[in-house]
């Protein structure tokens, strides 16, 4: 089962986040084989983290909850909230298999939160440079709750346009970068 976990930073937690960086990475090292994508969301100027996104394949909902809530930053109070949803890997690859690499251009997390009839279930046509793409689902793995996308785009408006925006209750766009230990 694939899951998206988005830990959103609590205001004023940047110093604590920095203190826990090695503990966070060590924790994530234990999930390296399960990881589909990972990395921090960033401020608009891309200078500071605002959250941490992880997409991974785990055995069940209980394992996903343990992953999200046992994370050292969560345990220490770095995060204000956690979005944890089932997810479907429509592209069938990891971020490390993205043909565009991990350094060139700006990257974004786009979250479309919705209800009712599902939208954007298929890979969009066009020139979108998708890194990860898939629907957000309820624990039953069937009920559609939105769509999550990681992509490379020239700006936030272009990133937002990958979704059918008027079909969602809200759409969030966050600067994002590939995560993990520096080489």
N, C-alpha and C. Protein backbone atom coordinates (compact mmCIF):
# COMPACT_ATOMS: atom_id res chain seq x y z
N UNK A 1 0.84 -1.18 0.00
CA UNK A 1 0.00 0.00 0.00
C UNK A 1 0.88 1.24 0.00
N UNK A 2 0.54 2.19 -0.83
CA UNK A 2 1.32 3.42 -0.90
C UNK A 2 0.63 4.52 -0.10
N UNK A 3 1.47 5.33 0.56
CA UNK A 3 0.97 6.39 1.43
C UNK A 3 1.74 7.68 1.17
N UNK A 4 1.06 8.79 1.34
CA UNK A 4 1.68 10.11 1.35
C UNK A 4 1.59 10.63 2.78
N UNK A 5 2.72 11.08 3.30
CA UNK A 5 2.79 11.64 4.64
C UNK A 5 3.41 13.02 4.54
N UNK A 6 2.67 14.05 4.95
CA UNK A 6 3.17 15.43 4.90
C UNK A 6 3.15 16.00 6.30
N UNK A 7 4.33 16.10 6.91
CA UNK A 7 4.50 16.75 8.20
C UNK A 7 4.68 18.25 7.94
N UNK A 8 3.80 19.08 8.48
CA UNK A 8 3.90 20.54 8.31
C UNK A 8 4.52 21.15 9.56
N UNK A 9 5.55 21.96 9.37
CA UNK A 9 6.28 22.54 10.50
C UNK A 9 5.41 23.49 11.32
N UNK A 10 5.66 23.46 12.62
CA UNK A 10 5.05 24.39 13.56
C UNK A 10 5.83 25.70 13.46
N UNK A 11 5.16 26.85 13.49
CA UNK A 11 5.89 28.13 13.49
C UNK A 11 6.90 28.16 14.65
N UNK A 12 8.08 28.66 14.37
CA UNK A 12 9.10 28.78 15.39
C UNK A 12 9.88 27.51 15.69
N UNK A 13 9.73 26.47 14.87
CA UNK A 13 10.38 25.20 15.17
C UNK A 13 11.65 24.96 14.34
N UNK A 14 12.11 25.96 13.61
CA UNK A 14 13.26 25.78 12.72
C UNK A 14 14.51 25.32 13.47
N UNK A 15 14.81 25.93 14.62
CA UNK A 15 16.00 25.55 15.38
C UNK A 15 15.89 24.10 15.85
N UNK A 16 14.74 23.72 16.38
CA UNK A 16 14.53 22.34 16.83
C UNK A 16 14.65 21.37 15.67
N UNK A 17 14.09 21.75 14.52
CA UNK A 17 14.19 20.91 13.32
C UNK A 17 15.65 20.66 12.98
N UNK A 18 16.46 21.72 13.02
CA UNK A 18 17.89 21.60 12.73
C UNK A 18 18.60 20.68 13.71
N UNK A 19 18.24 20.78 14.98
CA UNK A 19 18.85 19.93 16.00
C UNK A 19 18.52 18.45 15.77
N UNK A 20 17.40 18.18 15.17
CA UNK A 20 16.93 16.81 14.98
C UNK A 20 17.20 16.26 13.57
N UNK A 21 17.92 17.02 12.75
CA UNK A 21 18.11 16.62 11.36
C UNK A 21 18.76 15.23 11.24
N UNK A 22 19.81 14.98 11.99
CA UNK A 22 20.46 13.67 11.91
C UNK A 22 19.53 12.56 12.39
N UNK A 23 18.78 12.81 13.46
CA UNK A 23 17.83 11.81 13.95
C UNK A 23 16.75 11.54 12.90
N UNK A 24 16.29 12.60 12.23
CA UNK A 24 15.29 12.46 11.16
C UNK A 24 15.85 11.60 10.03
N UNK A 25 17.05 11.93 9.56
CA UNK A 25 17.65 11.18 8.46
C UNK A 25 17.89 9.72 8.86
N UNK A 26 18.38 9.51 10.07
CA UNK A 26 18.61 8.13 10.54
C UNK A 26 17.30 7.34 10.56
N UNK A 27 16.23 7.99 11.01
CA UNK A 27 14.92 7.35 11.02
C UNK A 27 14.50 6.99 9.59
N UNK A 28 14.66 7.94 8.67
CA UNK A 28 14.27 7.71 7.28
C UNK A 28 15.15 6.65 6.61
N UNK A 29 16.41 6.54 7.03
CA UNK A 29 17.29 5.50 6.48
C UNK A 29 16.67 4.12 6.69
N UNK A 30 15.93 3.95 7.76
CA UNK A 30 15.27 2.67 8.03
C UNK A 30 14.14 2.35 7.07
N UNK A 31 13.73 3.34 6.28
CA UNK A 31 12.63 3.16 5.32
C UNK A 31 13.11 3.35 3.88
N UNK A 32 14.41 3.30 3.65
CA UNK A 32 14.97 3.58 2.32
C UNK A 32 14.36 2.69 1.23
N UNK A 33 14.15 1.42 1.51
CA UNK A 33 13.62 0.50 0.50
C UNK A 33 12.15 0.79 0.18
N UNK A 34 11.43 1.38 1.12
CA UNK A 34 10.01 1.65 0.95
C UNK A 34 9.74 3.01 0.31
N UNK A 35 10.77 3.87 0.24
CA UNK A 35 10.60 5.25 -0.16
C UNK A 35 10.36 5.40 -1.67
N UNK A 36 9.32 6.15 -2.02
CA UNK A 36 9.02 6.50 -3.41
C UNK A 36 9.49 7.92 -3.69
N UNK A 37 9.30 8.81 -2.73
CA UNK A 37 9.75 10.20 -2.84
C UNK A 37 9.87 10.78 -1.45
N UNK A 38 10.71 11.80 -1.33
CA UNK A 38 10.89 12.47 -0.05
C UNK A 38 11.52 13.83 -0.26
N UNK A 39 11.35 14.68 0.73
CA UNK A 39 12.03 15.97 0.68
C UNK A 39 11.26 17.05 1.39
N UNK A 40 11.94 18.15 1.69
CA UNK A 40 11.30 19.25 2.40
C UNK A 40 10.51 20.16 1.48
N UNK A 41 9.40 20.67 2.01
CA UNK A 41 8.76 21.81 1.38
C UNK A 41 9.48 23.04 1.94
N UNK A 42 9.41 24.14 1.19
CA UNK A 42 10.24 25.31 1.49
C UNK A 42 9.43 26.60 1.47
N UNK A 43 10.00 27.64 2.08
CA UNK A 43 9.43 28.98 1.97
C UNK A 43 9.48 29.42 0.51
N UNK A 44 8.75 30.47 0.18
CA UNK A 44 8.70 30.96 -1.21
C UNK A 44 10.09 31.28 -1.75
N UNK A 45 10.99 31.80 -0.89
CA UNK A 45 12.34 32.11 -1.34
C UNK A 45 13.26 30.89 -1.33
N UNK A 46 12.72 29.73 -0.94
CA UNK A 46 13.43 28.46 -0.90
C UNK A 46 14.61 28.46 0.07
N UNK A 47 14.55 29.31 1.07
CA UNK A 47 15.64 29.44 2.03
C UNK A 47 15.46 28.61 3.29
N UNK A 48 14.23 28.26 3.64
CA UNK A 48 13.98 27.55 4.90
C UNK A 48 12.90 26.49 4.70
N UNK A 49 12.99 25.39 5.44
CA UNK A 49 11.96 24.35 5.33
C UNK A 49 10.65 24.76 5.99
N UNK A 50 9.56 24.24 5.46
CA UNK A 50 8.22 24.47 6.03
C UNK A 50 7.51 23.16 6.35
N UNK A 51 8.09 22.06 5.93
CA UNK A 51 7.48 20.75 6.14
C UNK A 51 8.33 19.67 5.52
N UNK A 52 7.81 18.47 5.58
CA UNK A 52 8.55 17.32 5.09
C UNK A 52 7.58 16.33 4.46
N UNK A 53 7.80 16.01 3.19
CA UNK A 53 6.90 15.10 2.47
C UNK A 53 7.62 13.75 2.28
N UNK A 54 6.86 12.69 2.50
CA UNK A 54 7.37 11.33 2.28
C UNK A 54 6.26 10.52 1.62
N UNK A 55 6.60 9.87 0.53
CA UNK A 55 5.69 8.96 -0.14
C UNK A 55 6.37 7.60 -0.11
N UNK A 56 5.67 6.61 0.44
CA UNK A 56 6.30 5.32 0.61
C UNK A 56 5.30 4.17 0.53
N UNK A 57 5.83 3.00 0.32
CA UNK A 57 5.05 1.77 0.20
C UNK A 57 5.22 0.99 1.51
N UNK A 58 4.13 0.83 2.24
CA UNK A 58 4.15 0.15 3.53
C UNK A 58 3.09 -0.95 3.56
N UNK A 59 3.21 -1.90 4.49
CA UNK A 59 2.29 -3.05 4.48
C UNK A 59 0.83 -2.71 4.76
N UNK A 60 0.57 -1.69 5.61
CA UNK A 60 -0.82 -1.43 5.99
C UNK A 60 -0.95 -0.06 6.63
N UNK A 61 -2.18 0.31 6.95
CA UNK A 61 -2.47 1.62 7.54
C UNK A 61 -1.77 1.77 8.89
N UNK A 62 -1.76 0.73 9.70
CA UNK A 62 -1.10 0.81 11.01
C UNK A 62 0.39 1.12 10.86
N UNK A 63 1.05 0.53 9.88
CA UNK A 63 2.47 0.81 9.62
C UNK A 63 2.67 2.25 9.19
N UNK A 64 1.77 2.77 8.38
CA UNK A 64 1.86 4.16 7.94
C UNK A 64 1.69 5.12 9.11
N UNK A 65 0.75 4.82 9.99
CA UNK A 65 0.56 5.68 11.17
C UNK A 65 1.78 5.63 12.07
N UNK A 66 2.35 4.46 12.26
CA UNK A 66 3.56 4.34 13.07
C UNK A 66 4.69 5.14 12.43
N UNK A 67 4.86 5.03 11.11
CA UNK A 67 5.88 5.81 10.41
C UNK A 67 5.70 7.30 10.70
N UNK A 68 4.49 7.80 10.53
CA UNK A 68 4.22 9.24 10.67
C UNK A 68 4.42 9.73 12.10
N UNK A 69 3.96 8.99 13.07
CA UNK A 69 3.92 9.51 14.43
C UNK A 69 5.10 9.08 15.31
N UNK A 70 5.92 8.15 14.83
CA UNK A 70 7.14 7.79 15.54
C UNK A 70 8.34 8.62 15.06
N UNK A 71 8.16 9.39 14.01
CA UNK A 71 9.23 10.21 13.44
C UNK A 71 9.76 11.15 14.52
N UNK A 72 11.09 11.28 14.67
CA UNK A 72 11.67 12.08 15.75
C UNK A 72 11.19 13.53 15.82
N UNK A 73 11.04 14.17 14.68
CA UNK A 73 10.55 15.55 14.68
C UNK A 73 9.14 15.65 15.19
N UNK A 74 8.30 14.69 14.83
CA UNK A 74 6.93 14.69 15.33
C UNK A 74 6.95 14.48 16.85
N UNK A 75 7.72 13.53 17.30
CA UNK A 75 7.80 13.23 18.73
C UNK A 75 8.29 14.43 19.54
N UNK A 76 9.16 15.26 18.95
CA UNK A 76 9.74 16.40 19.66
C UNK A 76 8.92 17.69 19.52
N UNK A 77 7.89 17.69 18.66
CA UNK A 77 7.05 18.87 18.51
C UNK A 77 7.42 19.81 17.38
N UNK A 78 8.19 19.33 16.40
CA UNK A 78 8.55 20.17 15.26
C UNK A 78 7.33 20.50 14.41
N UNK A 79 6.40 19.57 14.29
CA UNK A 79 5.31 19.71 13.33
C UNK A 79 4.01 20.17 13.98
N UNK A 80 3.26 20.98 13.22
CA UNK A 80 1.95 21.43 13.71
C UNK A 80 0.85 20.45 13.35
N UNK A 81 1.03 19.72 12.24
CA UNK A 81 0.05 18.71 11.86
C UNK A 81 0.65 17.75 10.86
N UNK A 82 -0.08 16.68 10.62
CA UNK A 82 0.37 15.64 9.70
C UNK A 82 -0.80 15.27 8.79
N UNK A 83 -0.56 15.32 7.48
CA UNK A 83 -1.52 14.80 6.50
C UNK A 83 -1.02 13.41 6.12
N UNK A 84 -1.82 12.40 6.40
CA UNK A 84 -1.47 11.02 6.07
C UNK A 84 -2.62 10.42 5.28
N UNK A 85 -2.35 10.05 4.04
CA UNK A 85 -3.37 9.50 3.16
C UNK A 85 -2.81 8.35 2.34
N UNK A 86 -3.69 7.41 2.02
CA UNK A 86 -3.33 6.41 1.00
C UNK A 86 -3.07 7.18 -0.28
N UNK A 87 -2.25 6.61 -1.15
CA UNK A 87 -1.86 7.27 -2.38
C UNK A 87 -1.64 6.20 -3.42
N UNK A 88 -1.83 6.52 -4.67
CA UNK A 88 -1.58 5.55 -5.74
C UNK A 88 -0.52 6.10 -6.67
N UNK A 89 0.54 5.36 -6.87
CA UNK A 89 1.68 5.76 -7.69
C UNK A 89 1.34 5.56 -9.17
N UNK A 90 0.69 6.53 -9.76
CA UNK A 90 0.24 6.43 -11.15
C UNK A 90 1.43 6.32 -12.11
N UNK A 91 2.56 6.95 -11.78
CA UNK A 91 3.73 6.90 -12.66
C UNK A 91 4.50 5.60 -12.52
N UNK A 92 4.32 4.90 -11.41
CA UNK A 92 4.98 3.62 -11.21
C UNK A 92 6.49 3.69 -11.05
N UNK A 93 6.99 4.81 -10.54
CA UNK A 93 8.43 4.94 -10.35
C UNK A 93 8.71 5.74 -9.08
N UNK A 94 9.99 5.81 -8.72
CA UNK A 94 10.41 6.63 -7.59
C UNK A 94 10.93 7.97 -8.12
N UNK A 95 11.15 8.90 -7.20
CA UNK A 95 11.68 10.20 -7.62
C UNK A 95 13.09 10.06 -8.19
N UNK A 96 13.83 9.04 -7.74
CA UNK A 96 15.19 8.84 -8.21
C UNK A 96 15.22 8.36 -9.67
N UNK A 97 14.07 7.93 -10.17
CA UNK A 97 13.97 7.50 -11.57
C UNK A 97 13.44 8.61 -12.47
N UNK A 98 13.18 9.78 -11.91
CA UNK A 98 12.74 10.94 -12.70
C UNK A 98 13.82 11.29 -13.71
N UNK A 99 13.51 11.30 -15.00
CA UNK A 99 14.54 11.52 -16.01
C UNK A 99 15.16 12.91 -15.96
N UNK A 100 14.52 13.85 -15.27
CA UNK A 100 15.04 15.21 -15.20
C UNK A 100 16.10 15.41 -14.14
N UNK A 101 16.44 14.37 -13.39
CA UNK A 101 17.47 14.51 -12.36
C UNK A 101 16.97 15.25 -11.14
N UNK A 102 17.90 15.54 -10.24
CA UNK A 102 17.49 16.12 -8.97
C UNK A 102 18.01 17.52 -8.70
N UNK A 103 18.66 18.16 -9.68
CA UNK A 103 19.24 19.46 -9.38
C UNK A 103 18.73 20.62 -10.23
N UNK A 104 18.38 20.40 -11.46
CA UNK A 104 18.02 21.50 -12.36
C UNK A 104 16.56 21.94 -12.18
N UNK A 105 16.32 23.23 -12.15
CA UNK A 105 14.96 23.78 -12.14
C UNK A 105 14.30 23.74 -10.77
N UNK A 106 13.16 24.43 -10.70
CA UNK A 106 12.38 24.50 -9.47
C UNK A 106 11.38 23.35 -9.42
N UNK A 107 11.18 22.86 -8.21
CA UNK A 107 10.26 21.75 -7.99
C UNK A 107 9.18 22.17 -7.00
N UNK A 108 8.02 21.52 -7.13
CA UNK A 108 6.87 21.88 -6.30
C UNK A 108 6.11 20.64 -5.86
N UNK A 109 5.47 20.79 -4.70
CA UNK A 109 4.43 19.86 -4.24
C UNK A 109 3.11 20.57 -4.51
N UNK A 110 2.21 19.89 -5.21
CA UNK A 110 0.86 20.42 -5.44
C UNK A 110 -0.11 19.45 -4.79
N UNK A 111 -0.92 19.96 -3.86
CA UNK A 111 -1.95 19.16 -3.18
C UNK A 111 -3.31 19.73 -3.55
N UNK A 112 -4.11 18.93 -4.22
CA UNK A 112 -5.49 19.29 -4.50
C UNK A 112 -6.38 18.49 -3.57
N UNK A 113 -7.09 19.16 -2.69
CA UNK A 113 -7.95 18.48 -1.73
C UNK A 113 -9.40 18.63 -2.18
N UNK A 114 -10.12 17.53 -2.23
CA UNK A 114 -11.47 17.58 -2.75
C UNK A 114 -12.38 16.57 -2.11
N UNK A 115 -13.59 16.50 -2.67
CA UNK A 115 -14.58 15.52 -2.24
C UNK A 115 -15.52 15.29 -3.42
N UNK A 116 -16.27 14.24 -3.35
CA UNK A 116 -17.20 13.96 -4.44
C UNK A 116 -16.54 13.20 -5.57
N UNK A 117 -16.95 13.55 -6.79
CA UNK A 117 -16.44 12.85 -7.97
C UNK A 117 -14.94 13.06 -8.14
N UNK A 118 -14.24 11.97 -8.38
CA UNK A 118 -12.79 12.03 -8.56
C UNK A 118 -12.43 12.77 -9.84
N UNK A 119 -11.29 13.43 -9.82
CA UNK A 119 -10.78 14.15 -10.97
C UNK A 119 -9.26 13.94 -11.02
N UNK A 120 -8.67 14.11 -12.18
CA UNK A 120 -7.22 14.00 -12.36
C UNK A 120 -6.69 12.63 -11.94
N UNK A 121 -7.36 11.58 -12.36
CA UNK A 121 -6.91 10.23 -12.05
C UNK A 121 -5.84 9.73 -13.03
N UNK A 122 -5.82 10.31 -14.22
CA UNK A 122 -4.86 9.90 -15.24
C UNK A 122 -3.73 10.91 -15.34
N UNK A 123 -2.60 10.45 -15.82
CA UNK A 123 -1.45 11.33 -16.02
C UNK A 123 -1.85 12.43 -17.00
N UNK A 124 -1.63 13.68 -16.62
CA UNK A 124 -2.01 14.77 -17.52
C UNK A 124 -1.16 14.77 -18.79
N UNK A 125 -1.79 15.18 -19.88
CA UNK A 125 -1.04 15.29 -21.13
C UNK A 125 -0.32 16.63 -21.13
N UNK A 126 0.61 16.79 -22.02
CA UNK A 126 1.33 18.06 -22.11
C UNK A 126 2.77 17.90 -21.67
N UNK A 127 3.34 19.04 -21.31
CA UNK A 127 4.76 19.08 -21.02
C UNK A 127 5.10 19.03 -19.54
N UNK A 128 4.14 18.66 -18.70
CA UNK A 128 4.40 18.62 -17.26
C UNK A 128 5.55 17.66 -16.96
N UNK A 129 6.49 18.13 -16.17
CA UNK A 129 7.63 17.30 -15.79
C UNK A 129 7.33 16.67 -14.44
N UNK A 130 6.57 15.59 -14.49
CA UNK A 130 6.08 14.95 -13.28
C UNK A 130 7.15 14.08 -12.63
N UNK A 131 7.29 14.25 -11.34
CA UNK A 131 8.21 13.44 -10.55
C UNK A 131 7.43 12.34 -9.84
N UNK A 132 6.27 12.71 -9.30
CA UNK A 132 5.35 11.76 -8.66
C UNK A 132 3.94 12.30 -8.89
N UNK A 133 2.98 11.40 -9.10
CA UNK A 133 1.61 11.82 -9.40
C UNK A 133 0.66 10.72 -8.95
N UNK A 134 -0.41 11.11 -8.24
CA UNK A 134 -1.39 10.11 -7.88
C UNK A 134 -2.50 10.65 -7.01
N UNK A 135 -3.59 9.90 -6.93
CA UNK A 135 -4.72 10.32 -6.11
C UNK A 135 -4.46 10.09 -4.62
N UNK A 136 -5.03 10.96 -3.81
CA UNK A 136 -5.08 10.79 -2.36
C UNK A 136 -6.36 10.04 -2.06
N UNK A 137 -6.26 9.01 -1.23
CA UNK A 137 -7.40 8.14 -0.98
C UNK A 137 -7.63 7.98 0.52
N UNK A 138 -8.86 7.65 0.87
CA UNK A 138 -9.18 7.32 2.26
C UNK A 138 -8.53 5.99 2.62
N UNK A 139 -8.60 5.62 3.89
CA UNK A 139 -7.99 4.36 4.34
C UNK A 139 -8.52 3.15 3.60
N UNK A 140 -9.74 3.25 3.04
CA UNK A 140 -10.29 2.11 2.30
C UNK A 140 -9.61 1.89 0.96
N UNK A 141 -8.77 2.86 0.54
CA UNK A 141 -8.05 2.74 -0.73
C UNK A 141 -8.90 2.98 -1.95
N UNK A 142 -10.16 3.40 -1.76
CA UNK A 142 -11.08 3.59 -2.86
C UNK A 142 -11.62 5.02 -2.91
N UNK A 143 -12.04 5.55 -1.78
CA UNK A 143 -12.66 6.87 -1.73
C UNK A 143 -11.63 7.95 -2.03
N UNK A 144 -11.91 8.73 -3.08
CA UNK A 144 -11.01 9.78 -3.55
C UNK A 144 -11.13 11.00 -2.64
N UNK A 145 -9.96 11.53 -2.22
CA UNK A 145 -9.92 12.72 -1.37
C UNK A 145 -9.13 13.86 -1.99
N UNK A 146 -8.51 13.60 -3.13
CA UNK A 146 -7.72 14.64 -3.78
C UNK A 146 -6.61 14.05 -4.63
N UNK A 147 -5.64 14.89 -4.95
CA UNK A 147 -4.52 14.49 -5.80
C UNK A 147 -3.25 15.13 -5.27
N UNK A 148 -2.15 14.40 -5.30
CA UNK A 148 -0.85 14.94 -4.90
C UNK A 148 0.13 14.77 -6.05
N UNK A 149 0.90 15.83 -6.31
CA UNK A 149 1.84 15.85 -7.41
C UNK A 149 3.16 16.46 -6.95
N UNK A 150 4.26 15.86 -7.33
CA UNK A 150 5.58 16.47 -7.24
C UNK A 150 6.02 16.69 -8.68
N UNK A 151 6.48 17.89 -9.00
CA UNK A 151 6.88 18.16 -10.37
C UNK A 151 7.91 19.26 -10.45
N UNK A 152 8.55 19.32 -11.61
CA UNK A 152 9.45 20.43 -11.93
C UNK A 152 8.65 21.38 -12.81
N UNK A 153 8.70 22.67 -12.47
CA UNK A 153 7.95 23.67 -13.22
C UNK A 153 8.66 25.02 -13.11
N UNK A 154 8.44 25.91 -14.07
CA UNK A 154 9.12 27.21 -14.03
C UNK A 154 8.62 28.13 -12.90
N UNK A 155 7.37 27.90 -12.44
CA UNK A 155 6.82 28.75 -11.38
C UNK A 155 5.61 28.06 -10.75
N UNK A 156 5.13 28.64 -9.65
CA UNK A 156 4.01 28.04 -8.90
C UNK A 156 2.73 27.99 -9.71
N UNK A 157 2.46 29.00 -10.51
CA UNK A 157 1.23 28.99 -11.31
C UNK A 157 1.23 27.86 -12.33
N UNK A 158 2.36 27.62 -12.95
CA UNK A 158 2.48 26.51 -13.90
C UNK A 158 2.29 25.18 -13.17
N UNK A 159 2.87 25.08 -11.98
CA UNK A 159 2.71 23.85 -11.18
C UNK A 159 1.24 23.63 -10.83
N UNK A 160 0.55 24.68 -10.39
CA UNK A 160 -0.87 24.58 -10.02
C UNK A 160 -1.71 24.11 -11.20
N UNK A 161 -1.37 24.54 -12.40
CA UNK A 161 -2.16 24.25 -13.59
C UNK A 161 -2.12 22.78 -13.99
N UNK A 162 -1.28 21.97 -13.36
CA UNK A 162 -1.26 20.54 -13.67
C UNK A 162 -2.56 19.87 -13.21
N UNK A 163 -3.27 20.50 -12.26
CA UNK A 163 -4.55 19.99 -11.78
C UNK A 163 -5.71 20.77 -12.38
N UNK A 164 -6.87 20.14 -12.40
CA UNK A 164 -8.10 20.81 -12.81
C UNK A 164 -8.58 21.61 -11.60
N UNK A 165 -8.00 22.76 -11.38
CA UNK A 165 -8.11 23.53 -10.14
C UNK A 165 -9.54 23.77 -9.70
N UNK A 166 -10.43 24.07 -10.61
CA UNK A 166 -11.82 24.41 -10.22
C UNK A 166 -12.62 23.20 -9.73
N UNK A 167 -12.05 22.02 -9.76
CA UNK A 167 -12.72 20.81 -9.28
C UNK A 167 -12.32 20.42 -7.87
N UNK A 168 -11.49 21.24 -7.22
CA UNK A 168 -11.01 20.95 -5.87
C UNK A 168 -11.55 21.99 -4.89
N UNK A 169 -11.71 21.58 -3.64
CA UNK A 169 -12.09 22.52 -2.58
C UNK A 169 -10.95 23.49 -2.32
N UNK A 170 -9.71 22.99 -2.39
CA UNK A 170 -8.54 23.85 -2.25
C UNK A 170 -7.36 23.21 -2.95
N UNK A 171 -6.44 24.05 -3.41
CA UNK A 171 -5.21 23.59 -4.03
C UNK A 171 -4.07 24.36 -3.38
N UNK A 172 -3.10 23.61 -2.87
CA UNK A 172 -1.91 24.19 -2.25
C UNK A 172 -0.72 23.92 -3.16
N UNK A 173 0.15 24.91 -3.28
CA UNK A 173 1.40 24.74 -4.02
C UNK A 173 2.54 25.15 -3.10
N UNK A 174 3.49 24.25 -2.91
CA UNK A 174 4.62 24.48 -2.02
C UNK A 174 5.92 24.24 -2.77
N UNK A 175 6.87 25.18 -2.70
CA UNK A 175 8.20 24.86 -3.22
C UNK A 175 8.71 23.60 -2.51
N UNK A 176 9.41 22.75 -3.24
CA UNK A 176 9.86 21.46 -2.73
C UNK A 176 11.20 21.13 -3.34
N UNK A 177 11.97 20.31 -2.66
CA UNK A 177 13.22 19.82 -3.25
C UNK A 177 13.43 18.36 -2.88
N UNK A 178 14.23 17.68 -3.70
CA UNK A 178 14.58 16.30 -3.41
C UNK A 178 15.20 16.26 -2.03
N UNK A 179 14.86 15.22 -1.25
CA UNK A 179 15.36 15.12 0.11
C UNK A 179 16.33 13.97 0.29
N UNK A 180 16.80 13.87 1.50
CA UNK A 180 17.74 12.82 1.88
C UNK A 180 19.09 13.41 2.23
N UNK A 181 19.95 12.54 2.65
CA UNK A 181 21.30 12.97 3.03
C UNK A 181 22.03 13.56 1.83
N UNK A 182 22.83 14.58 2.11
CA UNK A 182 23.67 15.14 1.06
C UNK A 182 24.77 14.15 0.73
N UNK A 183 25.10 14.04 -0.53
CA UNK A 183 26.14 13.08 -0.95
C UNK A 183 27.51 13.59 -0.57
